[in-house]
Amino acid sequence: MKIEFDLLANATDSIKQAIELLAWKDEPSDARRLKQAVLAIAHGVELLLKERLRRVHPVLIWENVDRFPSLSARTVTVDTALSRLVQIGGLASLQDDSALILSLRDTRNAVEHYSWTTTKLEAERIIGQALGFALHFAKEELDHDFFGYESRKDDTFTLLLDSNSHFAKAFGERYEQRKNGDGVNNYLCDYCHTLAVNPKTGACRLCGHWNEQYENDEPF
């Protein structure tokens, strides 16, 4: 049997784990359940960012682009992924979520490498807000819908909403923003073939070439 996880599959696996820990609560200890959910959602968010960066250009997920594609080289940190997605990938809206993402990174580091003292309410707030970001980022930027939640195909989504009010609020606000047409989708560049063209101007943020304007078309 071949076992294979690409970046998106790996991210999905971690985020599903966080969702199941919140929605189904099979782990009886709240402390252990919430700790594992924090680690899972932080890992998933980091990989979602890297996958989106890879779609701008594969070389960008390496800290040292000259080492691409060596698996022995380091991939980017969360900080670098955010910076490159904003500056090169054209995802200016990520700046609004940078505080959330970097705080999530710091919390994960504290849990994994030092010590972490929190309350149940704070832990649920961290996980809920991060999960709200992750599900919408996956849908908007990676065209990936977790479990068909938006079509309400099973009870998991309802249980998730009921189990974490912070997630319900974050998800609802982001859903309304998307429904109202906030945000800008990028397009493939005709010159460097990366997903970095602003549809309003036709300018590619990676190579600098000017493409046709696709403002009224559907993005690739």
C-alpha atoms as a PDB file:
ATOM      1  CA  MET A   1       0.000   0.000   0.000  1.00  0.00           C
ATOM      2  CA  LYS A   2       1.316   3.414  -0.965  1.00  0.00           C
ATOM      3  CA  ILE A   3       0.937   6.166   1.641  1.00  0.00           C
ATOM      4  CA  GLU A   4       1.187   9.661   0.230  1.00  0.00           C
ATOM      5  CA  PHE A   5       0.296  13.117   1.562  1.00  0.00           C
ATOM      6  CA  ASP A   6       0.805  16.281  -0.430  1.00  0.00           C
ATOM      7  CA  LEU A   7       0.604  19.660   1.309  1.00  0.00           C
ATOM      8  CA  LEU A   8      -3.162  20.009   0.947  1.00  0.00           C
ATOM      9  CA  ALA A   9      -3.882  16.430   1.995  1.00  0.00           C
ATOM     10  CA  ASN A  10      -1.588  16.832   4.982  1.00  0.00           C
ATOM     11  CA  ALA A  11      -3.304  20.092   5.967  1.00  0.00           C
ATOM     12  CA  THR A  12      -6.726  18.515   5.525  1.00  0.00           C
ATOM     13  CA  ASP A  13      -5.776  15.612   7.770  1.00  0.00           C
ATOM     14  CA  SER A  14      -4.747  17.943  10.597  1.00  0.00           C
ATOM     15  CA  ILE A  15      -7.767  20.234  10.253  1.00  0.00           C
ATOM     16  CA  LYS A  16     -10.142  17.264  10.193  1.00  0.00           C
ATOM     17  CA  GLN A  17      -8.557  16.111  13.433  1.00  0.00           C
ATOM     18  CA  ALA A  18      -9.219  19.504  15.032  1.00  0.00           C
ATOM     19  CA  ILE A  19     -12.811  19.467  13.776  1.00  0.00           C
ATOM     20  CA  GLU A  20     -13.475  15.996  15.134  1.00  0.00           C
ATOM     21  CA  LEU A  21     -11.955  16.867  18.502  1.00  0.00           C
ATOM     22  CA  LEU A  22     -14.322  19.831  18.792  1.00  0.00           C
ATOM     23  CA  ALA A  23     -17.464  18.351  17.264  1.00  0.00           C
ATOM     24  CA  TRP A  24     -17.475  14.778  18.540  1.00  0.00           C
ATOM     25  CA  LYS A  25     -15.505  15.079  21.785  1.00  0.00           C
ATOM     26  CA  ASP A  26     -14.436  11.441  21.855  1.00  0.00           C
ATOM     27  CA  GLU A  27     -11.515  12.461  24.094  1.00  0.00           C
ATOM     28  CA  PRO A  28     -13.029  12.754  27.611  1.00  0.00           C
ATOM     29  CA  SER A  29     -10.367  15.120  28.978  1.00  0.00           C
ATOM     30  CA  ASP A  30     -11.073  18.723  27.923  1.00  0.00           C
ATOM     31  CA  ALA A  31      -7.461  19.720  28.574  1.00  0.00           C
ATOM     32  CA  ARG A  32      -6.024  16.982  26.361  1.00  0.00           C
ATOM     33  CA  ARG A  33      -8.699  17.441  23.687  1.00  0.00           C
ATOM     34  CA  LEU A  34      -8.168  21.191  23.387  1.00  0.00           C
ATOM     35  CA  LYS A  35      -4.384  20.886  23.458  1.00  0.00           C
ATOM     36  CA  GLN A  36      -4.450  18.421  20.582  1.00  0.00           C
ATOM     37  CA  ALA A  37      -6.928  20.600  18.688  1.00  0.00           C
ATOM     38  CA  VAL A  38      -4.636  23.640  19.016  1.00  0.00           C
ATOM     39  CA  LEU A  39      -1.689  21.662  17.660  1.00  0.00           C
ATOM     40  CA  ALA A  40      -3.752  20.200  14.835  1.00  0.00           C
ATOM     41  CA  ILE A  41      -5.292  23.453  13.635  1.00  0.00           C
ATOM     42  CA  ALA A  42      -1.961  25.314  13.864  1.00  0.00           C
ATOM     43  CA  HIS A  43      -0.283  22.630  11.762  1.00  0.00           C
ATOM     44  CA  GLY A  44      -3.140  22.663   9.272  1.00  0.00           C
ATOM     45  CA  VAL A  45      -3.108  26.450   8.855  1.00  0.00           C
ATOM     46  CA  GLU A  46       0.649  26.475   8.274  1.00  0.00           C
ATOM     47  CA  LEU A  47       0.318  23.869   5.525  1.00  0.00           C
ATOM     48  CA  LEU A  48      -2.598  25.680   3.883  1.00  0.00           C
ATOM     49  CA  LEU A  49      -0.423  28.780   3.612  1.00  0.00           C
ATOM     50  CA  LYS A  50       2.430  26.751   2.125  1.00  0.00           C
ATOM     51  CA  GLU A  51       0.138  25.107  -0.399  1.00  0.00           C
ATOM     52  CA  ARG A  52      -1.194  28.488  -1.501  1.00  0.00           C
ATOM     53  CA  LEU A  53       2.378  29.738  -1.784  1.00  0.00           C
ATOM     54  CA  ARG A  54       3.301  26.663  -3.836  1.00  0.00           C
ATOM     55  CA  ARG A  55       0.524  27.561  -6.261  1.00  0.00           C
ATOM     56  CA  VAL A  56       2.062  30.984  -6.763  1.00  0.00           C
ATOM     57  CA  HIS A  57       5.329  29.195  -7.579  1.00  0.00           C
ATOM     58  CA  PRO A  58       6.771  25.932  -6.123  1.00  0.00           C
ATOM     59  CA  VAL A  59      10.179  27.458  -5.451  1.00  0.00           C
ATOM     60  CA  LEU A  60       8.668  29.919  -2.969  1.00  0.00           C
ATOM     61  CA  ILE A  61       8.001  27.332  -0.268  1.00  0.00           C
ATOM     62  CA  TRP A  62      11.753  26.946   0.316  1.00  0.00           C
ATOM     63  CA  GLU A  63      13.490  29.363   2.681  1.00  0.00           C
ATOM     64  CA  ASN A  64      16.533  29.328   0.398  1.00  0.00           C
ATOM     65  CA  VAL A  65      15.146  29.208  -3.128  1.00  0.00           C
ATOM     66  CA  ASP A  66      18.536  28.079  -4.445  1.00  0.00           C
ATOM     67  CA  ARG A  67      18.053  24.766  -2.609  1.00  0.00           C
ATOM     68  CA  PHE A  68      14.822  23.946  -4.485  1.00  0.00           C
ATOM     69  CA  PRO A  69      13.704  21.159  -4.737  1.00  0.00           C
ATOM     70  CA  SER A  70      15.897  19.428  -2.113  1.00  0.00           C
ATOM     71  CA  LEU A  71      13.857  17.743   0.639  1.00  0.00           C
ATOM     72  CA  SER A  72      16.781  18.245   3.015  1.00  0.00           C
ATOM     73  CA  ALA A  73      16.340  22.020   2.782  1.00  0.00           C
ATOM     74  CA  ARG A  74      14.009  23.943   5.049  1.00  0.00           C
ATOM     75  CA  THR A  75      10.623  25.103   3.905  1.00  0.00           C
ATOM     76  CA  VAL A  76       9.438  28.586   4.829  1.00  0.00           C
ATOM     77  CA  THR A  77       8.329  29.610   8.288  1.00  0.00           C
ATOM     78  CA  VAL A  78       4.821  30.908   8.872  1.00  0.00           C
ATOM     79  CA  ASP A  79       6.220  34.462   8.933  1.00  0.00           C
ATOM     80  CA  THR A  80       7.925  34.074   5.571  1.00  0.00           C
ATOM     81  CA  ALA A  81       4.937  32.341   4.018  1.00  0.00           C
ATOM     82  CA  LEU A  82       2.709  35.234   5.065  1.00  0.00           C
ATOM     83  CA  SER A  83       5.161  37.822   3.761  1.00  0.00           C
ATOM     84  CA  ARG A  84       5.597  36.112   0.390  1.00  0.00           C
ATOM     85  CA  LEU A  85       1.868  35.545  -0.058  1.00  0.00           C
ATOM     86  CA  VAL A  86       1.213  39.236   0.524  1.00  0.00           C
ATOM     87  CA  GLN A  87       4.197  40.706  -1.333  1.00  0.00           C
ATOM     88  CA  ILE A  88       4.486  38.214  -4.204  1.00  0.00           C
ATOM     89  CA  GLY A  89       1.192  36.351  -4.280  1.00  0.00           C
ATOM     90  CA  GLY A  90      -0.904  39.480  -4.004  1.00  0.00           C
ATOM     91  CA  LEU A  91      -3.023  38.279  -1.065  1.00  0.00           C
ATOM     92  CA  ALA A  92      -3.239  41.655   0.636  1.00  0.00           C
ATOM     93  CA  SER A  93      -6.273  40.502   2.630  1.00  0.00           C
ATOM     94  CA  LEU A  94      -4.013  38.150   4.588  1.00  0.00           C
ATOM     95  CA  GLN A  95      -2.639  41.168   6.412  1.00  0.00           C
ATOM     96  CA  ASP A  96      -5.948  41.340   8.271  1.00  0.00           C
ATOM     97  CA  ASP A  97      -5.405  37.794   9.540  1.00  0.00           C
ATOM     98  CA  SER A  98      -1.676  38.017  10.231  1.00  0.00           C
ATOM     99  CA  ALA A  99      -2.127  38.685  13.963  1.00  0.00           C
ATOM    100  CA  LEU A 100      -4.360  35.628  14.310  1.00  0.00           C
ATOM    101  CA  ILE A 101      -1.984  33.390  12.334  1.00  0.00           C
ATOM    102  CA  LEU A 102       1.163  34.531  14.166  1.00  0.00           C
ATOM    103  CA  SER A 103      -0.526  34.235  17.561  1.00  0.00           C
ATOM    104  CA  LEU A 104      -1.584  30.706  16.632  1.00  0.00           C
ATOM    105  CA  ARG A 105       2.029  29.939  15.717  1.00  0.00           C
ATOM    106  CA  ASP A 106       3.263  31.279  19.067  1.00  0.00           C
ATOM    107  CA  THR A 107       0.687  29.239  20.972  1.00  0.00           C
ATOM    108  CA  ARG A 108       1.660  26.081  19.120  1.00  0.00           C
ATOM    109  CA  ASN A 109       5.342  26.698  19.886  1.00  0.00           C
ATOM    110  CA  ALA A 110       4.561  27.175  23.574  1.00  0.00           C
ATOM    111  CA  VAL A 111       2.594  23.920  23.699  1.00  0.00           C
ATOM    112  CA  GLU A 112       5.203  21.931  21.797  1.00  0.00           C
ATOM    113  CA  HIS A 113       8.448  23.345  23.172  1.00  0.00           C
ATOM    114  CA  TYR A 114       7.864  24.969  26.539  1.00  0.00           C
ATOM    115  CA  SER A 115       4.775  25.199  28.705  1.00  0.00           C
ATOM    116  CA  TRP A 116       1.274  26.505  28.231  1.00  0.00           C
ATOM    117  CA  THR A 117      -1.207  27.795  30.780  1.00  0.00           C
ATOM    118  CA  THR A 118      -4.659  28.756  29.595  1.00  0.00           C
ATOM    119  CA  THR A 119      -8.363  28.463  30.313  1.00  0.00           C
ATOM    120  CA  LYS A 120     -10.946  26.355  28.528  1.00  0.00           C
ATOM    121  CA  LEU A 121     -12.570  29.539  27.212  1.00  0.00           C
ATOM    122  CA  GLU A 122      -9.305  30.905  25.795  1.00  0.00           C
ATOM    123  CA  ALA A 123      -8.388  27.596  24.180  1.00  0.00           C
ATOM    124  CA  GLU A 124     -11.810  27.364  22.553  1.00  0.00           C
ATOM    125  CA  ARG A 125     -11.468  30.957  21.302  1.00  0.00           C
ATOM    126  CA  ILE A 126      -8.072  30.228  19.717  1.00  0.00           C
ATOM    127  CA  ILE A 127      -9.274  27.073  18.009  1.00  0.00           C
ATOM    128  CA  GLY A 128     -12.603  28.540  16.900  1.00  0.00           C
ATOM    129  CA  GLN A 129     -11.124  31.637  15.287  1.00  0.00           C
ATOM    130  CA  ALA A 130      -8.318  29.662  13.636  1.00  0.00           C
ATOM    131  CA  LEU A 131     -10.760  27.106  12.288  1.00  0.00           C
ATOM    132  CA  GLY A 132     -12.996  29.848  10.901  1.00  0.00           C
ATOM    133  CA  PHE A 133      -9.996  31.218   9.029  1.00  0.00           C
ATOM    134  CA  ALA A 134      -8.820  27.792   7.826  1.00  0.00           C
ATOM    135  CA  LEU A 135     -12.136  26.677   6.323  1.00  0.00           C
ATOM    136  CA  HIS A 136     -12.659  29.915   4.416  1.00  0.00           C
ATOM    137  CA  PHE A 137      -9.054  30.196   3.270  1.00  0.00           C
ATOM    138  CA  ALA A 138      -9.194  26.630   1.956  1.00  0.00           C
ATOM    139  CA  LYS A 139     -12.420  27.352   0.083  1.00  0.00           C
ATOM    140  CA  GLU A 140     -11.500  30.772  -1.302  1.00  0.00           C
ATOM    141  CA  GLU A 141      -7.827  30.276  -2.102  1.00  0.00           C
ATOM    142  CA  LEU A 142      -7.512  26.526  -2.682  1.00  0.00           C
ATOM    143  CA  ASP A 143     -11.024  25.601  -3.870  1.00  0.00           C
ATOM    144  CA  HIS A 144     -11.201  22.975  -1.132  1.00  0.00           C
ATOM    145  CA  ASP A 145     -14.427  22.447   0.827  1.00  0.00           C
ATOM    146  CA  PHE A 146     -14.057  20.470   4.047  1.00  0.00           C
ATOM    147  CA  PHE A 147     -16.592  17.617   4.254  1.00  0.00           C
ATOM    148  CA  GLY A 148     -19.073  19.503   2.116  1.00  0.00           C
ATOM    149  CA  TYR A 149     -19.922  21.617   5.151  1.00  0.00           C
ATOM    150  CA  GLU A 150     -21.625  24.334   3.165  1.00  0.00           C
ATOM    151  CA  SER A 151     -24.106  21.829   1.777  1.00  0.00           C
ATOM    152  CA  ARG A 152     -24.667  20.451   5.306  1.00  0.00           C
ATOM    153  CA  LYS A 153     -24.210  16.839   4.203  1.00  0.00           C
ATOM    154  CA  ASP A 154     -23.790  15.454   7.726  1.00  0.00           C
ATOM    155  CA  ASP A 155     -24.159  16.426  11.388  1.00  0.00           C
ATOM    156  CA  THR A 156     -20.520  17.383  11.896  1.00  0.00           C
ATOM    157  CA  PHE A 157     -20.934  20.999  10.870  1.00  0.00           C
ATOM    158  CA  THR A 158     -23.954  21.495  13.142  1.00  0.00           C
ATOM    159  CA  LEU A 159     -22.154  19.873  16.050  1.00  0.00           C
ATOM    160  CA  LEU A 160     -19.147  22.084  15.388  1.00  0.00           C
ATOM    161  CA  LEU A 161     -21.262  25.246  15.417  1.00  0.00           C
ATOM    162  CA  ASP A 162     -22.956  24.158  18.639  1.00  0.00           C
ATOM    163  CA  SER A 163     -19.711  23.184  20.351  1.00  0.00           C
ATOM    164  CA  ASN A 164     -17.758  26.392  19.762  1.00  0.00           C
ATOM    165  CA  SER A 165     -19.429  29.800  19.670  1.00  0.00           C
ATOM    166  CA  HIS A 166     -16.163  31.460  18.606  1.00  0.00           C
ATOM    167  CA  PHE A 167     -16.030  29.284  15.498  1.00  0.00           C
ATOM    168  CA  ALA A 168     -19.719  29.971  14.765  1.00  0.00           C
ATOM    169  CA  LYS A 169     -19.096  33.728  14.956  1.00  0.00           C
ATOM    170  CA  ALA A 170     -15.861  33.673  12.915  1.00  0.00           C
ATOM    171  CA  PHE A 171     -17.300  31.384  10.257  1.00  0.00           C
ATOM    172  CA  GLY A 172     -20.505  33.395   9.980  1.00  0.00           C
ATOM    173  CA  GLU A 173     -18.685  36.706   9.574  1.00  0.00           C
ATOM    174  CA  ARG A 174     -16.365  35.340   6.892  1.00  0.00           C
ATOM    175  CA  TYR A 175     -19.281  33.720   5.077  1.00  0.00           C
ATOM    176  CA  GLU A 176     -21.110  37.056   4.931  1.00  0.00           C
ATOM    177  CA  GLN A 177     -17.987  38.835   3.662  1.00  0.00           C
ATOM    178  CA  ARG A 178     -17.603  36.324   0.864  1.00  0.00           C
ATOM    179  CA  LYS A 179     -21.291  36.431  -0.027  1.00  0.00           C
ATOM    180  CA  ASN A 180     -21.065  40.207  -0.307  1.00  0.00           C
ATOM    181  CA  GLY A 181     -18.156  39.917  -2.733  1.00  0.00           C
ATOM    182  CA  ASP A 182     -15.290  41.132  -0.558  1.00  0.00           C
ATOM    183  CA  GLY A 183     -11.781  40.153  -1.593  1.00  0.00           C
ATOM    184  CA  VAL A 184      -9.984  39.809  -4.939  1.00  0.00           C
ATOM    185  CA  ASN A 185      -9.174  36.546  -6.731  1.00  0.00           C
ATOM    186  CA  ASN A 186      -5.841  36.373  -8.527  1.00  0.00           C
ATOM    187  CA  TYR A 187      -5.341  34.989 -12.013  1.00  0.00           C
ATOM    188  CA  LEU A 188      -2.713  32.999 -13.865  1.00  0.00           C
ATOM    189  CA  CYS A 189      -0.058  35.108 -15.551  1.00  0.00           C
ATOM    190  CA  ASP A 190       0.320  34.582 -19.311  1.00  0.00           C
ATOM    191  CA  TYR A 191       4.077  35.173 -18.970  1.00  0.00           C
ATOM    192  CA  CYS A 192       5.351  33.420 -15.818  1.00  0.00           C
ATOM    193  CA  HIS A 193       2.297  31.134 -15.363  1.00  0.00           C
ATOM    194  CA  THR A 194       1.908  31.833 -11.650  1.00  0.00           C
ATOM    195  CA  LEU A 195      -1.285  32.741  -9.811  1.00  0.00           C
ATOM    196  CA  ALA A 196      -0.303  36.348  -9.158  1.00  0.00           C
ATOM    197  CA  VAL A 197      -2.260  38.599 -11.546  1.00  0.00           C
ATOM    198  CA  ASN A 198      -4.553  41.246 -10.102  1.00  0.00           C
ATOM    199  CA  PRO A 199      -7.733  41.067 -12.233  1.00  0.00           C
ATOM    200  CA  LYS A 200      -8.434  44.792 -11.890  1.00  0.00           C
ATOM    201  CA  THR A 201      -5.089  45.909 -13.329  1.00  0.00           C
ATOM    202  CA  GLY A 202      -3.788  42.854 -15.182  1.00  0.00           C
ATOM    203  CA  ALA A 203      -0.394  43.361 -13.513  1.00  0.00           C
ATOM    204  CA  CYS A 204       1.525  40.306 -12.317  1.00  0.00           C
ATOM    205  CA  ARG A 205       3.050  40.799  -8.892  1.00  0.00           C
ATOM    206  CA  LEU A 206       5.703  38.149  -9.544  1.00  0.00           C
ATOM    207  CA  CYS A 207       7.179  38.958 -12.967  1.00  0.00           C
ATOM    208  CA  GLY A 208       5.826  42.490 -13.527  1.00  0.00           C
ATOM    209  CA  HIS A 209       4.201  41.770 -16.915  1.00  0.00           C
ATOM    210  CA  TRP A 210       0.827  43.226 -17.768  1.00  0.00           C
ATOM    211  CA  ASN A 211      -1.907  40.777 -18.772  1.00  0.00           C
ATOM    212  CA  GLU A 212      -5.387  41.315 -20.142  1.00  0.00           C
ATOM    213  CA  GLN A 213      -7.850  42.449 -17.490  1.00  0.00           C
ATOM    214  CA  TYR A 214     -10.219  39.695 -16.377  1.00  0.00           C
ATOM    215  CA  GLU A 215     -12.303  41.587 -13.871  1.00  0.00           C
ATOM    216  CA  ASN A 216     -15.612  40.357 -15.258  1.00  0.00           C
ATOM    217  CA  ASP A 217     -14.497  36.770 -15.863  1.00  0.00           C
ATOM    218  CA  GLU A 218     -14.353  33.816 -13.531  1.00  0.00           C
ATOM    219  CA  PRO A 219     -10.869  33.113 -12.085  1.00  0.00           C
ATOM    220  CA  PHE A 220      -8.961  30.008 -13.100  1.00  0.00           C
END
